[in-house]
Amino acid sequence: MGHEMQEEDLMKCIICKKGSTKPGTTTITFERGCLTMVVKCVPAQVCPNCGEAYISEEITAKLLKDAEERANIGAQVEIRQYVAA
């Protein structure tokens, strides 16, 4: 089961120090060697003041693993929507 963002996951933005994060989504771009991978609609805690997005450790690990696998098979460009496991 995927980690759902909970109220206790909300935090003060460390970038602008003004906003408190709210559940939302963001787009993540990975670049490694010849691979550019864009993942849209990634669940995140997003600061409504500055737009900084914070991704959970679980989701980050999944995305990094996926990017590594794509790079290893020689993918160069991939654009996809996030799908929870």
Protein backbone atom coordinates (compact mmCIF):
# COMPACT_ATOMS: atom_id res chain seq x y z
CA MET A 1 0.00 0.00 0.00
CA GLY A 2 1.21 3.47 -0.85
CA HIS A 3 1.87 6.13 1.74
CA GLU A 4 -0.95 8.65 1.75
CA MET A 5 -0.12 12.13 2.96
CA GLN A 6 -1.73 12.71 6.36
CA GLU A 7 -2.44 15.89 8.30
CA GLU A 8 0.57 15.12 10.52
CA ASP A 9 2.75 15.22 7.37
CA LEU A 10 2.03 18.95 6.99
CA MET A 11 5.02 21.14 7.74
CA LYS A 12 6.32 24.68 7.57
CA CYS A 13 8.05 25.37 4.24
CA ILE A 14 11.82 25.39 4.70
CA ILE A 15 12.32 27.50 1.55
CA CYS A 16 10.12 30.55 2.15
CA LYS A 17 9.49 29.91 5.88
CA LYS A 18 6.06 31.50 5.48
CA GLY A 19 3.70 28.84 4.14
CA SER A 20 2.51 25.56 5.63
CA THR A 21 2.38 22.71 3.15
CA LYS A 22 -0.87 21.27 1.86
CA PRO A 23 -1.54 17.99 0.03
CA GLY A 24 -1.19 18.37 -3.73
CA THR A 25 0.75 17.09 -6.72
CA THR A 26 3.89 18.09 -8.57
CA THR A 27 5.94 17.17 -11.64
CA ILE A 28 9.35 15.58 -11.12
CA THR A 29 12.13 15.58 -13.73
CA PHE A 30 15.07 13.17 -13.53
CA GLU A 31 18.20 13.40 -15.66
CA ARG A 32 20.81 10.67 -15.66
CA GLY A 33 23.28 10.12 -18.44
CA CYS A 34 21.20 10.16 -21.63
CA LEU A 35 17.87 9.67 -19.81
CA THR A 36 15.38 12.45 -19.14
CA MET A 37 12.31 11.16 -17.30
CA VAL A 38 9.34 13.36 -16.40
CA VAL A 39 6.71 12.08 -13.96
CA LYS A 40 3.52 14.13 -13.63
CA CYS A 41 0.88 14.17 -10.87
CA VAL A 42 3.27 12.95 -8.14
CA PRO A 43 1.63 13.21 -4.67
CA ALA A 44 3.41 15.83 -2.58
CA GLN A 45 3.10 18.35 0.18
CA VAL A 46 3.13 21.72 -1.59
CA CYS A 47 3.70 25.17 -0.13
CA PRO A 48 0.88 27.46 -1.28
CA ASN A 49 3.12 30.50 -0.78
CA CYS A 50 6.17 29.62 -2.91
CA GLY A 51 5.16 26.37 -4.65
CA GLU A 52 8.00 24.24 -3.21
CA ALA A 53 6.99 20.56 -3.24
CA TYR A 54 8.03 17.89 -0.76
CA ILE A 55 7.84 14.21 -1.76
CA SER A 56 7.61 11.38 0.77
CA GLU A 57 10.59 9.08 1.23
CA GLU A 58 8.57 6.11 -0.03
CA ILE A 59 7.51 7.83 -3.26
CA THR A 60 11.03 9.19 -3.81
CA ALA A 61 12.52 5.69 -3.49
CA LYS A 62 10.00 4.30 -6.00
CA LEU A 63 10.68 7.08 -8.51
CA LEU A 64 14.46 6.72 -8.21
CA LYS A 65 14.20 2.95 -8.71
CA ASP A 66 12.02 3.45 -11.80
CA ALA A 67 14.46 6.02 -13.23
CA GLU A 68 17.40 3.69 -12.63
CA GLU A 69 15.60 0.83 -14.42
CA ARG A 70 14.74 3.06 -17.39
CA ALA A 71 18.33 4.32 -17.64
CA ASN A 72 19.67 0.75 -17.50
CA ILE A 73 17.57 -0.33 -20.51
CA GLY A 74 18.73 2.63 -22.57
CA ALA A 75 15.65 4.85 -22.47
CA GLN A 76 16.39 8.43 -23.49
CA VAL A 77 13.12 10.28 -22.91
CA GLU A 78 10.12 9.17 -20.91
CA ILE A 79 7.07 11.18 -19.83
CA ARG A 80 4.46 9.52 -17.67
CA GLN A 81 1.83 10.05 -15.02
CA TYR A 82 2.53 8.78 -11.50
CA VAL A 83 0.71 5.56 -10.64
CA ALA A 84 0.69 4.36 -7.02
CA ALA A 85 1.87 0.76 -6.55
